[in-house]
């Protein structure tokens, strides 16, 4: 059983997390390139939030948006 868990540890440390080790080493030379994944996630989140706010505005302009506190039966 011990070798099974050592195998899982080896799989993660030697293979699956290798790209993160490369990014960690790259950070010493170029911080912007090393954090490219973070920038991609930030751009995706900004786009999703803009889309969400646009949809909220559409519903508010059509008066389809219910904002009273009794919208759910458990709040009555």
PDB file of N, CA and C in Angstrom:
ATOM      1  N   UNK A   1       0.815  -1.187   0.000  1.00  0.00           N
ATOM      2  CA  UNK A   1       0.000   0.000   0.000  1.00  0.00           C
ATOM      3  C   UNK A   1       0.867   1.262   0.000  1.00  0.00           C
ATOM      4  N   UNK A   2       2.018   1.189   0.659  1.00  0.00           N
ATOM      5  CA  UNK A   2       2.914   2.342   0.707  1.00  0.00           C
ATOM      6  C   UNK A   2       3.392   2.715  -0.686  1.00  0.00           C
ATOM      7  N   UNK A   3       3.700   1.713  -1.509  1.00  0.00           N
ATOM      8  CA  UNK A   3       4.190   1.997  -2.858  1.00  0.00           C
ATOM      9  C   UNK A   3       3.106   2.633  -3.722  1.00  0.00           C
ATOM     10  N   UNK A   4       1.845   2.324  -3.448  1.00  0.00           N
ATOM     11  CA  UNK A   4       0.736   2.931  -4.183  1.00  0.00           C
ATOM     12  C   UNK A   4       0.719   4.440  -3.957  1.00  0.00           C
ATOM     13  N   UNK A   5       0.824   4.856  -2.692  1.00  0.00           N
ATOM     14  CA  UNK A   5       0.806   6.283  -2.382  1.00  0.00           C
ATOM     15  C   UNK A   5       2.089   6.976  -2.839  1.00  0.00           C
ATOM     16  N   UNK A   6       3.205   6.275  -2.805  1.00  0.00           N
ATOM     17  CA  UNK A   6       4.441   6.848  -3.345  1.00  0.00           C
ATOM     18  C   UNK A   6       4.331   7.024  -4.852  1.00  0.00           C
ATOM     19  N   UNK A   7       3.645   6.098  -5.502  1.00  0.00           N
ATOM     20  CA  UNK A   7       3.413   6.231  -6.944  1.00  0.00           C
ATOM     21  C   UNK A   7       2.556   7.444  -7.266  1.00  0.00           C
ATOM     22  N   UNK A   8       1.531   7.678  -6.458  1.00  0.00           N
ATOM     23  CA  UNK A   8       0.694   8.864  -6.661  1.00  0.00           C
ATOM     24  C   UNK A   8       1.516  10.129  -6.444  1.00  0.00           C
ATOM     25  N   UNK A   9       2.348  10.130  -5.405  1.00  0.00           N
ATOM     26  CA  UNK A   9       3.212  11.284  -5.142  1.00  0.00           C
ATOM     27  C   UNK A   9       4.183  11.533  -6.275  1.00  0.00           C
ATOM     28  N   UNK A  10       4.745  10.479  -6.815  1.00  0.00           N
ATOM     29  CA  UNK A  10       5.671  10.604  -7.945  1.00  0.00           C
ATOM     30  C   UNK A  10       4.953  11.130  -9.176  1.00  0.00           C
ATOM     31  N   UNK A  11       3.753  10.631  -9.420  1.00  0.00           N
ATOM     32  CA  UNK A  11       2.978  11.079 -10.575  1.00  0.00           C
ATOM     33  C   UNK A  11       2.763  12.584 -10.524  1.00  0.00           C
ATOM     34  N   UNK A  12       2.379  13.080  -9.357  1.00  0.00           N
ATOM     35  CA  UNK A  12       2.104  14.509  -9.262  1.00  0.00           C
ATOM     36  C   UNK A  12       3.376  15.340  -9.276  1.00  0.00           C
ATOM     37  N   UNK A  13       4.386  14.958  -8.501  1.00  0.00           N
ATOM     38  CA  UNK A  13       5.574  15.810  -8.400  1.00  0.00           C
ATOM     39  C   UNK A  13       6.446  15.748  -9.637  1.00  0.00           C
ATOM     40  N   UNK A  14       6.510  14.610 -10.300  1.00  0.00           N
ATOM     41  CA  UNK A  14       7.418  14.470 -11.440  1.00  0.00           C
ATOM     42  C   UNK A  14       6.763  14.713 -12.793  1.00  0.00           C
ATOM     43  N   UNK A  15       5.441  14.607 -12.872  1.00  0.00           N
ATOM     44  CA  UNK A  15       4.804  14.717 -14.184  1.00  0.00           C
ATOM     45  C   UNK A  15       3.724  15.798 -14.245  1.00  0.00           C
ATOM     46  N   UNK A  16       2.716  15.688 -13.400  1.00  0.00           N
ATOM     47  CA  UNK A  16       1.558  16.565 -13.535  1.00  0.00           C
ATOM     48  C   UNK A  16       1.830  18.009 -13.111  1.00  0.00           C
ATOM     49  N   UNK A  17       2.695  18.224 -12.149  1.00  0.00           N
ATOM     50  CA  UNK A  17       2.997  19.577 -11.682  1.00  0.00           C
ATOM     51  C   UNK A  17       4.271  20.144 -12.300  1.00  0.00           C
ATOM     52  N   UNK A  18       4.842  19.464 -13.260  1.00  0.00           N
ATOM     53  CA  UNK A  18       6.068  19.923 -13.919  1.00  0.00           C
ATOM     54  C   UNK A  18       5.897  21.288 -14.598  1.00  0.00           C
ATOM     55  N   UNK A  19       4.768  21.564 -15.276  1.00  0.00           N
ATOM     56  CA  UNK A  19       4.635  22.904 -15.875  1.00  0.00           C
ATOM     57  C   UNK A  19       4.697  24.027 -14.849  1.00  0.00           C
ATOM     58  N   UNK A  20       4.185  23.790 -13.644  1.00  0.00           N
ATOM     59  CA  UNK A  20       4.252  24.824 -12.612  1.00  0.00           C
ATOM     60  C   UNK A  20       5.679  25.027 -12.115  1.00  0.00           C
ATOM     61  N   UNK A  21       6.465  23.973 -12.085  1.00  0.00           N
ATOM     62  CA  UNK A  21       7.880  24.127 -11.731  1.00  0.00           C
ATOM     63  C   UNK A  21       8.607  24.961 -12.787  1.00  0.00           C
ATOM     64  N   UNK A  22       8.274  24.736 -14.042  1.00  0.00           N
ATOM     65  CA  UNK A  22       8.890  25.524 -15.116  1.00  0.00           C
ATOM     66  C   UNK A  22       8.483  26.993 -15.014  1.00  0.00           C
ATOM     67  N   UNK A  23       7.219  27.252 -14.691  1.00  0.00           N
ATOM     68  CA  UNK A  23       6.783  28.642 -14.514  1.00  0.00           C
ATOM     69  C   UNK A  23       7.478  29.290 -13.319  1.00  0.00           C
ATOM     70  N   UNK A  24       7.711  28.518 -12.259  1.00  0.00           N
ATOM     71  CA  UNK A  24       8.396  29.056 -11.082  1.00  0.00           C
ATOM     72  C   UNK A  24       9.833  29.441 -11.430  1.00  0.00           C
ATOM     73  N   UNK A  25      10.497  28.630 -12.236  1.00  0.00           N
ATOM     74  CA  UNK A  25      11.871  28.954 -12.650  1.00  0.00           C
ATOM     75  C   UNK A  25      11.891  30.139 -13.610  1.00  0.00           C
ATOM     76  N   UNK A  26      10.846  30.245 -14.440  1.00  0.00           N
ATOM     77  CA  UNK A  26      10.771  31.340 -15.403  1.00  0.00           C
ATOM     78  C   UNK A  26      10.543  32.681 -14.711  1.00  0.00           C
ATOM     79  N   UNK A  27       9.943  32.654 -13.519  1.00  0.00           N
ATOM     80  CA  UNK A  27       9.645  33.892 -12.807  1.00  0.00           C
ATOM     81  C   UNK A  27      10.912  34.677 -12.482  1.00  0.00           C
ATOM     82  N   UNK A  28      12.017  33.993 -12.315  1.00  0.00           N
ATOM     83  CA  UNK A  28      13.258  34.682 -11.984  1.00  0.00           C
ATOM     84  C   UNK A  28      13.774  35.517 -13.148  1.00  0.00           C
ATOM     85  N   UNK A  29      13.402  35.163 -14.374  1.00  0.00           N
ATOM     86  CA  UNK A  29      13.876  35.918 -15.527  1.00  0.00           C
ATOM     87  C   UNK A  29      12.826  36.886 -16.072  1.00  0.00           C
ATOM     88  N   UNK A  30      11.549  36.466 -16.110  1.00  0.00           N
ATOM     89  CA  UNK A  30      10.507  37.325 -16.660  1.00  0.00           C
ATOM     90  C   UNK A  30       9.205  37.099 -15.899  1.00  0.00           C
ATOM     91  N   UNK A  31       8.849  38.057 -15.052  1.00  0.00           N
ATOM     92  CA  UNK A  31       7.671  37.921 -14.210  1.00  0.00           C
ATOM     93  C   UNK A  31       6.392  37.907 -15.027  1.00  0.00           C
ATOM     94  N   UNK A  32       6.308  38.726 -16.070  1.00  0.00           N
ATOM     95  CA  UNK A  32       5.085  38.845 -16.870  1.00  0.00           C
ATOM     96  C   UNK A  32       4.751  37.539 -17.578  1.00  0.00           C
ATOM     97  N   UNK A  33       5.739  36.886 -18.138  1.00  0.00           N
ATOM     98  CA  UNK A  33       5.492  35.625 -18.843  1.00  0.00           C
ATOM     99  C   UNK A  33       5.164  34.511 -17.855  1.00  0.00           C
ATOM    100  N   UNK A  34       5.800  34.535 -16.703  1.00  0.00           N
ATOM    101  CA  UNK A  34       5.551  33.496 -15.703  1.00  0.00           C
ATOM    102  C   UNK A  34       4.124  33.564 -15.173  1.00  0.00           C
ATOM    103  N   UNK A  35       3.512  34.726 -15.203  1.00  0.00           N
ATOM    104  CA  UNK A  35       2.156  34.888 -14.684  1.00  0.00           C
ATOM    105  C   UNK A  35       1.113  34.958 -15.792  1.00  0.00           C
ATOM    106  N   UNK A  36       1.411  34.413 -16.947  1.00  0.00           N
ATOM    107  CA  UNK A  36       0.486  34.471 -18.080  1.00  0.00           C
ATOM    108  C   UNK A  36      -0.833  33.757 -17.766  1.00  0.00           C
ATOM    109  N   UNK A  37      -0.800  32.661 -17.010  1.00  0.00           N
ATOM    110  CA  UNK A  37      -2.039  31.970 -16.648  1.00  0.00           C
ATOM    111  C   UNK A  37      -2.931  32.862 -15.795  1.00  0.00           C
ATOM    112  N   UNK A  38      -2.322  33.594 -14.879  1.00  0.00           N
ATOM    113  CA  UNK A  38      -3.104  34.507 -14.046  1.00  0.00           C
ATOM    114  C   UNK A  38      -3.768  35.583 -14.891  1.00  0.00           C
ATOM    115  N   UNK A  39      -3.026  36.115 -15.869  1.00  0.00           N
ATOM    116  CA  UNK A  39      -3.589  37.155 -16.725  1.00  0.00           C
ATOM    117  C   UNK A  39      -4.742  36.608 -17.570  1.00  0.00           C
ATOM    118  N   UNK A  40      -4.599  35.388 -18.046  1.00  0.00           N
ATOM    119  CA  UNK A  40      -5.681  34.775 -18.825  1.00  0.00           C
ATOM    120  C   UNK A  40      -6.925  34.613 -17.963  1.00  0.00           C
ATOM    121  N   UNK A  41      -6.778  34.134 -16.739  1.00  0.00           N
ATOM    122  CA  UNK A  41      -7.924  33.968 -15.849  1.00  0.00           C
ATOM    123  C   UNK A  41      -8.550  35.311 -15.494  1.00  0.00           C
ATOM    124  N   UNK A  42      -7.746  36.338 -15.307  1.00  0.00           N
ATOM    125  CA  UNK A  42      -8.276  37.663 -15.005  1.00  0.00           C
ATOM    126  C   UNK A  42      -9.087  38.190 -16.181  1.00  0.00           C
ATOM    127  N   UNK A  43      -8.597  38.004 -17.396  1.00  0.00           N
ATOM    128  CA  UNK A  43      -9.320  38.457 -18.587  1.00  0.00           C
ATOM    129  C   UNK A  43     -10.638  37.703 -18.738  1.00  0.00           C
ATOM    130  N   UNK A  44     -10.621  36.395 -18.484  1.00  0.00           N
ATOM    131  CA  UNK A  44     -11.856  35.607 -18.555  1.00  0.00           C
ATOM    132  C   UNK A  44     -12.860  36.094 -17.514  1.00  0.00           C
ATOM    133  N   UNK A  45     -12.405  36.365 -16.300  1.00  0.00           N
ATOM    134  CA  UNK A  45     -13.308  36.843 -15.244  1.00  0.00           C
ATOM    135  C   UNK A  45     -13.882  38.218 -15.571  1.00  0.00           C
ATOM    136  N   UNK A  46     -13.073  39.099 -16.132  1.00  0.00           N
ATOM    137  CA  UNK A  46     -13.563  40.420 -16.513  1.00  0.00           C
ATOM    138  C   UNK A  46     -14.620  40.292 -17.608  1.00  0.00           C
ATOM    139  N   UNK A  47     -14.384  39.428 -18.582  1.00  0.00           N
ATOM    140  CA  UNK A  47     -15.367  39.211 -19.645  1.00  0.00           C
ATOM    141  C   UNK A  47     -16.665  38.624 -19.118  1.00  0.00           C
ATOM    142  N   UNK A  48     -16.568  37.670 -18.206  1.00  0.00           N
ATOM    143  CA  UNK A  48     -17.769  37.061 -17.628  1.00  0.00           C
ATOM    144  C   UNK A  48     -18.547  38.078 -16.810  1.00  0.00           C
ATOM    145  N   UNK A  49     -17.850  38.914 -16.053  1.00  0.00           N
ATOM    146  CA  UNK A  49     -18.543  39.918 -15.256  1.00  0.00           C
ATOM    147  C   UNK A  49     -19.215  40.959 -16.149  1.00  0.00           C
ATOM    148  N   UNK A  50     -18.551  41.359 -17.223  1.00  0.00           N
ATOM    149  CA  UNK A  50     -19.155  42.326 -18.147  1.00  0.00           C
ATOM    150  C   UNK A  50     -20.413  41.735 -18.781  1.00  0.00           C
ATOM    151  N   UNK A  51     -20.354  40.471 -19.185  1.00  0.00           N
ATOM    152  CA  UNK A  51     -21.528  39.809 -19.761  1.00  0.00           C
ATOM    153  C   UNK A  51     -22.657  39.732 -18.739  1.00  0.00           C
ATOM    154  N   UNK A  52     -22.342  39.379 -17.509  1.00  0.00           N
ATOM    155  CA  UNK A  52     -23.334  39.256 -16.458  1.00  0.00           C
ATOM    156  C   UNK A  52     -24.008  40.604 -16.178  1.00  0.00           C
ATOM    157  N   UNK A  53     -23.202  41.668 -16.071  1.00  0.00           N
ATOM    158  CA  UNK A  53     -23.763  42.990 -15.825  1.00  0.00           C
ATOM    159  C   UNK A  53     -24.621  43.456 -16.989  1.00  0.00           C
ATOM    160  N   UNK A  54     -24.225  43.117 -18.212  1.00  0.00           N
ATOM    161  CA  UNK A  54     -25.028  43.458 -19.389  1.00  0.00           C
ATOM    162  C   UNK A  54     -26.381  42.751 -19.333  1.00  0.00           C
ATOM    163  N   UNK A  55     -26.396  41.479 -18.953  1.00  0.00           N
ATOM    164  CA  UNK A  55     -27.646  40.734 -18.844  1.00  0.00           C
ATOM    165  C   UNK A  55     -28.522  41.305 -17.728  1.00  0.00           C
ATOM    166  N   UNK A  56     -27.922  41.696 -16.605  1.00  0.00           N
ATOM    167  CA  UNK A  56     -28.691  42.311 -15.523  1.00  0.00           C
ATOM    168  C   UNK A  56     -29.345  43.603 -15.977  1.00  0.00           C
ATOM    169  N   UNK A  57     -28.626  44.388 -16.756  1.00  0.00           N
ATOM    170  CA  UNK A  57     -29.181  45.646 -17.262  1.00  0.00           C
ATOM    171  C   UNK A  57     -30.332  45.381 -18.223  1.00  0.00           C
ATOM    172  N   UNK A  58     -30.218  44.371 -19.058  1.00  0.00           N
ATOM    173  CA  UNK A  58     -31.302  44.025 -19.985  1.00  0.00           C
ATOM    174  C   UNK A  58     -32.557  43.664 -19.210  1.00  0.00           C
ATOM    175  N   UNK A  59     -32.436  42.832 -18.175  1.00  0.00           N
ATOM    176  CA  UNK A  59     -33.601  42.445 -17.385  1.00  0.00           C
ATOM    177  C   UNK A  59     -34.181  43.636 -16.618  1.00  0.00           C
ATOM    178  N   UNK A  60     -33.319  44.505 -16.121  1.00  0.00           N
ATOM    179  CA  UNK A  60     -33.811  45.674 -15.386  1.00  0.00           C
ATOM    180  C   UNK A  60     -34.545  46.627 -16.318  1.00  0.00           C
ATOM    181  N   UNK A  61     -34.035  46.832 -17.539  1.00  0.00           N
ATOM    182  CA  UNK A  61     -34.687  47.720 -18.498  1.00  0.00           C
ATOM    183  C   UNK A  61     -36.047  47.184 -18.930  1.00  0.00           C
ATOM    184  N   UNK A  62     -36.229  45.867 -18.948  1.00  0.00           N
ATOM    185  CA  UNK A  62     -37.507  45.260 -19.333  1.00  0.00           C
ATOM    186  C   UNK A  62     -38.444  45.076 -18.143  1.00  0.00           C
ATOM    187  N   UNK A  63     -38.051  45.523 -16.969  1.00  0.00           N
ATOM    188  CA  UNK A  63     -38.823  45.374 -15.732  1.00  0.00           C
ATOM    189  C   UNK A  63     -39.170  43.910 -15.437  1.00  0.00           C
ATOM    190  N   UNK A  64     -38.272  43.004 -15.772  1.00  0.00           N
ATOM    191  CA  UNK A  64     -38.467  41.578 -15.497  1.00  0.00           C
ATOM    192  C   UNK A  64     -37.739  41.151 -14.224  1.00  0.00           C
ATOM    193  N   UNK A  65     -37.154  42.102 -13.570  1.00  0.00           N
ATOM    194  CA  UNK A  65     -36.284  41.834 -12.446  1.00  0.00           C
ATOM    195  C   UNK A  65     -37.070  42.028 -11.144  1.00  0.00           C
ATOM    196  N   UNK A  66     -37.221  40.971 -10.356  1.00  0.00           N
ATOM    197  CA  UNK A  66     -37.971  41.037  -9.099  1.00  0.00           C
ATOM    198  C   UNK A  66     -36.973  41.212  -7.957  1.00  0.00           C
ATOM    199  N   UNK A  67     -37.090  42.334  -7.243  1.00  0.00           N
ATOM    200  CA  UNK A  67     -36.120  42.621  -6.195  1.00  0.00           C
ATOM    201  C   UNK A  67     -36.728  42.664  -4.805  1.00  0.00           C
ATOM    202  N   UNK A  68     -37.968  42.248  -4.641  1.00  0.00           N
ATOM    203  CA  UNK A  68     -38.530  42.258  -3.298  1.00  0.00           C
ATOM    204  C   UNK A  68     -38.009  41.074  -2.485  1.00  0.00           C
ATOM    205  N   UNK A  69     -38.011  41.224  -1.192  1.00  0.00           N
ATOM    206  CA  UNK A  69     -37.429  40.194  -0.336  1.00  0.00           C
ATOM    207  C   UNK A  69     -38.313  38.973  -0.197  1.00  0.00           C
ATOM    208  N   UNK A  70     -39.552  39.040  -0.716  1.00  0.00           N
ATOM    209  CA  UNK A  70     -40.454  37.892  -0.624  1.00  0.00           C
ATOM    210  C   UNK A  70     -40.458  37.095  -1.918  1.00  0.00           C
ATOM    211  N   UNK A  71     -39.402  37.187  -2.697  1.00  0.00           N
ATOM    212  CA  UNK A  71     -39.328  36.464  -3.959  1.00  0.00           C
ATOM    213  C   UNK A  71     -39.262  34.948  -3.705  1.00  0.00           C
ATOM    214  N   UNK A  72     -38.775  34.550  -2.539  1.00  0.00           N
ATOM    215  CA  UNK A  72     -38.708  33.142  -2.185  1.00  0.00           C
ATOM    216  C   UNK A  72     -39.676  32.859  -1.045  1.00  0.00           C
ATOM    217  N   UNK A  73     -40.273  31.699  -1.080  1.00  0.00           N
ATOM    218  CA  UNK A  73     -41.288  31.380  -0.087  1.00  0.00           C
ATOM    219  C   UNK A  73     -40.720  31.286   1.333  1.00  0.00           C
ATOM    220  N   UNK A  74     -39.458  30.925   1.470  1.00  0.00           N
ATOM    221  CA  UNK A  74     -38.882  30.790   2.805  1.00  0.00           C
ATOM    222  C   UNK A  74     -38.575  32.132   3.449  1.00  0.00           C
ATOM    223  N   UNK A  75     -38.663  33.235   2.700  1.00  0.00           N
ATOM    224  CA  UNK A  75     -38.403  34.557   3.257  1.00  0.00           C
ATOM    225  C   UNK A  75     -39.679  35.247   3.724  1.00  0.00           C
ATOM    226  N   UNK A  76     -40.838  34.657   3.496  1.00  0.00           N
ATOM    227  CA  UNK A  76     -42.106  35.282   3.885  1.00  0.00           C
ATOM    228  C   UNK A  76     -42.340  35.183   5.361  1.00  0.00           C
TER     229      UNK A  76
END
